[in-house]
Amino acid sequence: MKADINVTPLIDVLLVLLIIFMCVAPAAPTALGAALPRTETSPGPPAAGLVLEVRTDDLALNAVPVLTLEDLDRRLRAAFEMRGERTLFVRAADDVPYERVVAAIDVAEGAGASRVGLVAEAPETGRR
């Protein structure tokens, strides 16, 4: 006499569980509920953001050339004092060394930038 495991009850239980999960899955919520804050005033036009361009030979803050990192620090501090939002967008050319970009971001954070965003250019559609 050979002792084998009877798998028929196991398969029956698995099929019942499969049917239960197939019935319950469509009833499960699929989206996250987001509570958005209500505004009392109508939003005005968005303020122009500060854009720092890091190029191989120089820097530019909102298309105005900046000569040194110290000058960048001074101009960013003045700009952040005048505006309530302390967000800076950084755009770097492809051939700029990584260290140069990091140094510019460090100066921006030292000048009071609370958020720094990196701007990526969309790839050209004609290139493959």
N, C-alpha and C. Protein backbone atom coordinates (compact mmCIF):
# COMPACT_ATOMS: atom_id res chain seq x y z
N MET A 1 0.84 -1.17 0.00
CA MET A 1 0.00 0.00 0.00
C MET A 1 0.90 1.25 0.00
N LYS A 2 0.56 2.17 -0.87
CA LYS A 2 1.35 3.37 -1.05
C LYS A 2 0.58 4.58 -0.50
N ALA A 3 1.26 5.42 0.29
CA ALA A 3 0.60 6.58 0.90
C ALA A 3 0.85 7.80 0.01
N ASP A 4 -0.18 8.25 -0.66
CA ASP A 4 -0.11 9.45 -1.49
C ASP A 4 -1.02 10.54 -0.91
N ILE A 5 -0.64 11.77 -1.15
CA ILE A 5 -1.45 12.89 -0.70
C ILE A 5 -2.60 13.06 -1.68
N ASN A 6 -3.78 13.22 -1.12
CA ASN A 6 -4.96 13.44 -1.94
C ASN A 6 -5.03 14.94 -2.25
N VAL A 7 -4.79 15.33 -3.51
CA VAL A 7 -4.73 16.74 -3.90
C VAL A 7 -6.09 17.29 -4.34
N THR A 8 -7.09 16.46 -4.47
CA THR A 8 -8.40 16.94 -4.92
C THR A 8 -9.00 17.96 -3.97
N PRO A 9 -9.00 17.74 -2.65
CA PRO A 9 -9.55 18.79 -1.77
C PRO A 9 -8.73 20.09 -1.82
N LEU A 10 -7.43 19.97 -1.98
CA LEU A 10 -6.58 21.16 -2.08
C LEU A 10 -6.94 21.97 -3.32
N ILE A 11 -7.13 21.31 -4.43
CA ILE A 11 -7.50 22.01 -5.67
C ILE A 11 -8.88 22.64 -5.52
N ASP A 12 -9.81 21.94 -4.86
CA ASP A 12 -11.15 22.51 -4.64
C ASP A 12 -11.08 23.80 -3.83
N VAL A 13 -10.26 23.81 -2.79
CA VAL A 13 -10.11 25.01 -1.96
C VAL A 13 -9.47 26.14 -2.76
N LEU A 14 -8.46 25.83 -3.55
CA LEU A 14 -7.81 26.86 -4.36
C LEU A 14 -8.77 27.45 -5.39
N LEU A 15 -9.58 26.62 -6.02
CA LEU A 15 -10.56 27.14 -6.99
C LEU A 15 -11.60 28.03 -6.32
N VAL A 16 -12.05 27.67 -5.13
CA VAL A 16 -13.00 28.52 -4.40
C VAL A 16 -12.37 29.86 -4.05
N LEU A 17 -11.11 29.84 -3.59
CA LEU A 17 -10.42 31.10 -3.29
C LEU A 17 -10.23 31.94 -4.54
N LEU A 18 -9.91 31.32 -5.66
CA LEU A 18 -9.76 32.04 -6.92
C LEU A 18 -11.06 32.72 -7.32
N ILE A 19 -12.17 32.03 -7.19
CA ILE A 19 -13.47 32.61 -7.54
C ILE A 19 -13.80 33.77 -6.60
N ILE A 20 -13.49 33.61 -5.31
CA ILE A 20 -13.77 34.69 -4.36
C ILE A 20 -12.94 35.93 -4.70
N PHE A 21 -11.65 35.75 -4.98
CA PHE A 21 -10.81 36.89 -5.32
C PHE A 21 -11.21 37.53 -6.65
N MET A 22 -11.68 36.74 -7.59
CA MET A 22 -12.13 37.30 -8.87
C MET A 22 -13.39 38.13 -8.69
N CYS A 23 -14.23 37.78 -7.73
CA CYS A 23 -15.45 38.55 -7.47
C CYS A 23 -15.16 39.81 -6.65
N VAL A 24 -14.18 39.75 -5.75
CA VAL A 24 -13.89 40.88 -4.87
C VAL A 24 -13.01 41.92 -5.55
N ALA A 25 -12.12 41.52 -6.44
CA ALA A 25 -11.16 42.44 -7.06
C ALA A 25 -11.81 43.60 -7.80
N PRO A 26 -12.87 43.41 -8.60
CA PRO A 26 -13.46 44.58 -9.27
C PRO A 26 -14.11 45.57 -8.30
N ALA A 27 -14.49 45.13 -7.12
CA ALA A 27 -15.13 46.02 -6.16
C ALA A 27 -14.12 46.84 -5.37
N ALA A 28 -12.85 46.48 -5.42
CA ALA A 28 -11.82 47.21 -4.69
C ALA A 28 -11.60 48.57 -5.34
N PRO A 29 -11.37 49.62 -4.53
CA PRO A 29 -11.13 50.94 -5.12
C PRO A 29 -9.81 50.96 -5.89
N THR A 30 -9.82 51.63 -7.03
CA THR A 30 -8.63 51.66 -7.88
C THR A 30 -7.91 53.00 -7.84
N ALA A 31 -8.57 54.04 -7.38
CA ALA A 31 -7.94 55.37 -7.37
C ALA A 31 -7.75 55.84 -5.93
N LEU A 32 -6.79 56.72 -5.76
CA LEU A 32 -6.55 57.32 -4.45
C LEU A 32 -7.38 58.59 -4.33
N GLY A 33 -8.00 58.76 -3.19
CA GLY A 33 -8.74 59.98 -2.96
C GLY A 33 -7.80 61.10 -2.57
N ALA A 34 -7.90 62.23 -3.24
CA ALA A 34 -7.04 63.36 -2.95
C ALA A 34 -7.91 64.53 -2.50
N ALA A 35 -7.61 65.04 -1.34
CA ALA A 35 -8.33 66.20 -0.83
C ALA A 35 -7.53 67.45 -1.21
N LEU A 36 -8.03 68.19 -2.17
CA LEU A 36 -7.34 69.39 -2.63
C LEU A 36 -7.81 70.59 -1.83
N PRO A 37 -6.92 71.51 -1.50
CA PRO A 37 -7.33 72.68 -0.73
C PRO A 37 -8.18 73.61 -1.59
N ARG A 38 -9.14 74.22 -0.92
CA ARG A 38 -10.02 75.16 -1.62
C ARG A 38 -9.40 76.55 -1.53
N THR A 39 -9.48 77.30 -2.60
CA THR A 39 -8.96 78.66 -2.60
C THR A 39 -10.12 79.63 -2.59
N GLU A 40 -9.97 80.68 -1.84
CA GLU A 40 -11.01 81.69 -1.74
C GLU A 40 -10.88 82.74 -2.85
N THR A 41 -9.67 82.96 -3.32
CA THR A 41 -9.45 83.95 -4.35
C THR A 41 -9.12 83.24 -5.65
N SER A 42 -9.34 83.92 -6.73
CA SER A 42 -9.00 83.33 -8.01
C SER A 42 -7.49 83.40 -8.20
N PRO A 43 -6.91 82.35 -8.73
CA PRO A 43 -5.45 82.39 -8.90
C PRO A 43 -5.08 83.38 -9.98
N GLY A 44 -4.08 84.16 -9.69
CA GLY A 44 -3.59 85.13 -10.65
C GLY A 44 -2.61 84.48 -11.60
N PRO A 45 -2.01 85.25 -12.43
CA PRO A 45 -1.01 84.67 -13.33
C PRO A 45 0.19 84.18 -12.52
N PRO A 46 0.76 83.05 -12.90
CA PRO A 46 1.89 82.54 -12.13
C PRO A 46 3.10 83.47 -12.24
N ALA A 47 3.82 83.57 -11.13
CA ALA A 47 5.02 84.41 -11.12
C ALA A 47 6.10 83.73 -11.95
N ALA A 48 6.85 84.55 -12.64
CA ALA A 48 7.94 84.01 -13.45
C ALA A 48 8.98 83.39 -12.51
N GLY A 49 9.38 82.17 -12.80
CA GLY A 49 10.33 81.47 -11.95
C GLY A 49 11.76 81.92 -12.22
N LEU A 50 12.60 81.67 -11.26
CA LEU A 50 14.03 81.94 -11.43
C LEU A 50 14.65 80.74 -12.14
N VAL A 51 15.32 81.01 -13.23
CA VAL A 51 15.97 79.95 -14.00
C VAL A 51 17.46 80.24 -14.05
N LEU A 52 18.24 79.29 -13.54
CA LEU A 52 19.69 79.39 -13.56
C LEU A 52 20.20 78.48 -14.67
N GLU A 53 20.88 79.09 -15.64
CA GLU A 53 21.47 78.31 -16.73
C GLU A 53 22.96 78.14 -16.44
N VAL A 54 23.40 76.89 -16.40
CA VAL A 54 24.80 76.58 -16.17
C VAL A 54 25.39 76.15 -17.50
N ARG A 55 26.30 76.98 -18.00
CA ARG A 55 26.95 76.68 -19.28
C ARG A 55 28.42 76.39 -19.05
N THR A 56 29.10 75.96 -20.07
CA THR A 56 30.51 75.57 -19.90
C THR A 56 31.39 76.74 -19.52
N ASP A 57 31.08 77.93 -20.03
CA ASP A 57 31.96 79.06 -19.78
C ASP A 57 31.41 80.08 -18.79
N ASP A 58 30.08 80.09 -18.55
CA ASP A 58 29.52 81.07 -17.63
C ASP A 58 28.19 80.57 -17.06
N LEU A 59 27.58 81.43 -16.25
CA LEU A 59 26.27 81.17 -15.65
C LEU A 59 25.34 82.29 -16.10
N ALA A 60 24.04 82.02 -16.07
CA ALA A 60 23.06 83.05 -16.38
C ALA A 60 21.85 82.85 -15.48
N LEU A 61 21.41 83.94 -14.85
CA LEU A 61 20.21 83.92 -14.01
C LEU A 61 19.13 84.69 -14.74
N ASN A 62 18.09 83.99 -15.18
CA ASN A 62 17.02 84.57 -16.01
C ASN A 62 17.61 85.28 -17.23
N ALA A 63 18.51 84.62 -17.91
CA ALA A 63 19.15 85.06 -19.15
C ALA A 63 20.08 86.26 -18.97
N VAL A 64 20.39 86.65 -17.73
CA VAL A 64 21.35 87.72 -17.46
C VAL A 64 22.65 87.06 -17.01
N PRO A 65 23.75 87.32 -17.70
CA PRO A 65 25.01 86.65 -17.36
C PRO A 65 25.47 86.95 -15.94
N VAL A 66 26.02 85.92 -15.30
CA VAL A 66 26.59 86.02 -13.96
C VAL A 66 28.05 85.62 -14.07
N LEU A 67 28.95 86.43 -13.54
CA LEU A 67 30.37 86.19 -13.73
C LEU A 67 30.95 85.15 -12.78
N THR A 68 30.63 85.27 -11.48
CA THR A 68 31.24 84.37 -10.49
C THR A 68 30.14 83.75 -9.62
N LEU A 69 30.53 82.75 -8.83
CA LEU A 69 29.59 82.13 -7.91
C LEU A 69 29.22 83.09 -6.78
N GLU A 70 30.16 83.98 -6.39
CA GLU A 70 29.85 84.97 -5.36
C GLU A 70 28.80 85.96 -5.86
N ASP A 71 28.92 86.35 -7.12
CA ASP A 71 27.94 87.24 -7.73
C ASP A 71 26.58 86.53 -7.82
N LEU A 72 26.60 85.25 -8.13
CA LEU A 72 25.36 84.47 -8.18
C LEU A 72 24.72 84.44 -6.79
N ASP A 73 25.50 84.23 -5.76
CA ASP A 73 24.99 84.20 -4.38
C ASP A 73 24.32 85.53 -4.04
N ARG A 74 24.97 86.62 -4.36
CA ARG A 74 24.44 87.95 -4.06
C ARG A 74 23.13 88.21 -4.82
N ARG A 75 23.10 87.84 -6.09
CA ARG A 75 21.90 88.10 -6.88
C ARG A 75 20.74 87.20 -6.47
N LEU A 76 21.04 85.95 -6.09
CA LEU A 76 19.97 85.05 -5.63
C LEU A 76 19.39 85.52 -4.30
N ARG A 77 20.25 85.96 -3.38
CA ARG A 77 19.75 86.47 -2.10
C ARG A 77 18.83 87.66 -2.32
N ALA A 78 19.21 88.57 -3.22
CA ALA A 78 18.37 89.73 -3.51
C ALA A 78 17.05 89.30 -4.15
N ALA A 79 17.10 88.33 -5.05
CA ALA A 79 15.88 87.87 -5.71
C ALA A 79 14.95 87.16 -4.74
N PHE A 80 15.50 86.35 -3.82
CA PHE A 80 14.67 85.64 -2.85
C PHE A 80 14.07 86.58 -1.82
N GLU A 81 14.75 87.69 -1.52
CA GLU A 81 14.19 88.66 -0.58
C GLU A 81 12.98 89.36 -1.19
N MET A 82 12.98 89.58 -2.49
CA MET A 82 11.89 90.28 -3.15
C MET A 82 10.68 89.39 -3.40
N ARG A 83 10.88 88.08 -3.48
CA ARG A 83 9.77 87.19 -3.81
C ARG A 83 9.49 86.26 -2.64
N GLY A 84 8.28 85.81 -2.55
CA GLY A 84 7.91 84.90 -1.48
C GLY A 84 8.31 83.47 -1.77
N GLU A 85 8.31 83.10 -3.02
CA GLU A 85 8.63 81.72 -3.39
C GLU A 85 10.14 81.57 -3.57
N ARG A 86 10.68 80.54 -3.00
CA ARG A 86 12.13 80.32 -3.04
C ARG A 86 12.45 79.08 -3.87
N THR A 87 11.87 79.02 -5.05
CA THR A 87 12.11 77.89 -5.95
C THR A 87 13.03 78.35 -7.08
N LEU A 88 14.00 77.51 -7.40
CA LEU A 88 14.96 77.81 -8.46
C LEU A 88 14.99 76.63 -9.42
N PHE A 89 14.93 76.93 -10.70
CA PHE A 89 15.05 75.90 -11.73
C PHE A 89 16.45 75.99 -12.33
N VAL A 90 17.11 74.86 -12.46
CA VAL A 90 18.48 74.81 -12.98
C VAL A 90 18.46 74.08 -14.31
N ARG A 91 19.00 74.74 -15.32
CA ARG A 91 19.14 74.14 -16.65
C ARG A 91 20.63 74.09 -16.97
N ALA A 92 21.12 72.91 -17.29
CA ALA A 92 22.54 72.75 -17.59
C ALA A 92 22.71 72.19 -18.98
N ALA A 93 23.72 72.66 -19.67
CA ALA A 93 24.04 72.13 -20.99
C ALA A 93 24.59 70.72 -20.85
N ASP A 94 24.56 69.97 -21.94
CA ASP A 94 25.02 68.58 -21.90
C ASP A 94 26.50 68.45 -21.60
N ASP A 95 27.30 69.41 -22.04
CA ASP A 95 28.75 69.28 -21.90
C ASP A 95 29.30 69.94 -20.64
N VAL A 96 28.43 70.36 -19.73
CA VAL A 96 28.88 70.99 -18.48
C VAL A 96 29.30 69.90 -17.49
N PRO A 97 30.46 70.04 -16.85
CA PRO A 97 30.87 69.05 -15.84
C PRO A 97 29.88 69.02 -14.67
N TYR A 98 29.69 67.85 -14.14
CA TYR A 98 28.76 67.63 -13.03
C TYR A 98 29.12 68.50 -11.82
N GLU A 99 30.41 68.63 -11.54
CA GLU A 99 30.86 69.40 -10.38
C GLU A 99 30.44 70.86 -10.47
N ARG A 100 30.44 71.40 -11.68
CA ARG A 100 30.04 72.80 -11.87
C ARG A 100 28.56 73.00 -11.56
N VAL A 101 27.74 72.04 -11.97
CA VAL A 101 26.30 72.13 -11.68
C VAL A 101 26.05 72.00 -10.18
N VAL A 102 26.73 71.06 -9.53
CA VAL A 102 26.57 70.87 -8.09
C VAL A 102 27.03 72.10 -7.33
N ALA A 103 28.10 72.72 -7.75
CA ALA A 103 28.58 73.94 -7.09
C ALA A 103 27.55 75.06 -7.20
N ALA A 104 26.92 75.19 -8.36
CA ALA A 104 25.89 76.22 -8.54
C ALA A 104 24.67 75.93 -7.67
N ILE A 105 24.29 74.65 -7.55
CA ILE A 105 23.15 74.29 -6.70
C ILE A 105 23.48 74.54 -5.23
N ASP A 106 24.72 74.26 -4.82
CA ASP A 106 25.13 74.54 -3.44
C ASP A 106 25.05 76.02 -3.13
N VAL A 107 25.48 76.86 -4.06
CA VAL A 107 25.40 78.31 -3.86
C VAL A 107 23.94 78.73 -3.75
N ALA A 108 23.07 78.15 -4.58
CA ALA A 108 21.65 78.50 -4.56
C ALA A 108 21.01 78.11 -3.22
N GLU A 109 21.34 76.94 -2.72
CA GLU A 109 20.78 76.52 -1.44
C GLU A 109 21.32 77.37 -0.31
N GLY A 110 22.58 77.79 -0.40
CA GLY A 110 23.15 78.68 0.60
C GLY A 110 22.52 80.06 0.56
N ALA A 111 22.05 80.48 -0.62
CA ALA A 111 21.41 81.79 -0.76
C ALA A 111 19.97 81.78 -0.30
N GLY A 112 19.42 80.58 -0.02
CA GLY A 112 18.05 80.53 0.50
C GLY A 112 17.06 79.78 -0.35
N ALA A 113 17.50 79.10 -1.39
CA ALA A 113 16.56 78.34 -2.21
C ALA A 113 16.05 77.15 -1.42
N SER A 114 14.72 77.06 -1.28
CA SER A 114 14.16 75.94 -0.54
C SER A 114 13.90 74.74 -1.43
N ARG A 115 13.62 75.00 -2.70
CA ARG A 115 13.42 73.91 -3.66
C ARG A 115 14.22 74.21 -4.91
N VAL A 116 14.91 73.19 -5.40
CA VAL A 116 15.70 73.32 -6.62
C VAL A 116 15.21 72.25 -7.59
N GLY A 117 14.79 72.69 -8.76
CA GLY A 117 14.32 71.75 -9.77
C GLY A 117 15.26 71.75 -10.95
N LEU A 118 15.49 70.56 -11.50
CA LEU A 118 16.34 70.44 -12.68
C LEU A 118 15.46 70.41 -13.91
N VAL A 119 15.80 71.24 -14.89
CA VAL A 119 15.02 71.34 -16.11
C VAL A 119 15.69 70.49 -17.17
N ALA A 120 14.94 69.59 -17.74
CA ALA A 120 15.45 68.75 -18.82
C ALA A 120 14.82 69.21 -20.12
N GLU A 121 15.63 69.34 -21.12
CA GLU A 121 15.13 69.74 -22.43
C GLU A 121 14.51 68.53 -23.12
N ALA A 122 13.43 68.76 -23.83
CA ALA A 122 12.81 67.68 -24.60
C ALA A 122 13.72 67.32 -25.77
N PRO A 123 13.83 66.03 -26.07
CA PRO A 123 14.69 65.65 -27.20
C PRO A 123 14.13 66.17 -28.51
N GLU A 124 15.02 66.48 -29.43
CA GLU A 124 14.58 66.98 -30.73
C GLU A 124 13.86 65.87 -31.48
N THR A 125 12.77 66.22 -32.17
CA THR A 125 11.96 65.20 -32.83
C THR A 125 12.60 64.71 -34.11
N GLY A 126 13.47 65.49 -34.72
CA GLY A 126 14.08 65.09 -35.99
C GLY A 126 15.22 64.10 -35.83
N ARG A 127 15.78 63.99 -34.64
CA ARG A 127 16.93 63.10 -34.41
C ARG A 127 16.45 61.69 -34.12
N ARG A 128 17.24 60.70 -34.54
CA ARG A 128 16.91 59.31 -34.24
C ARG A 128 18.12 58.59 -33.80
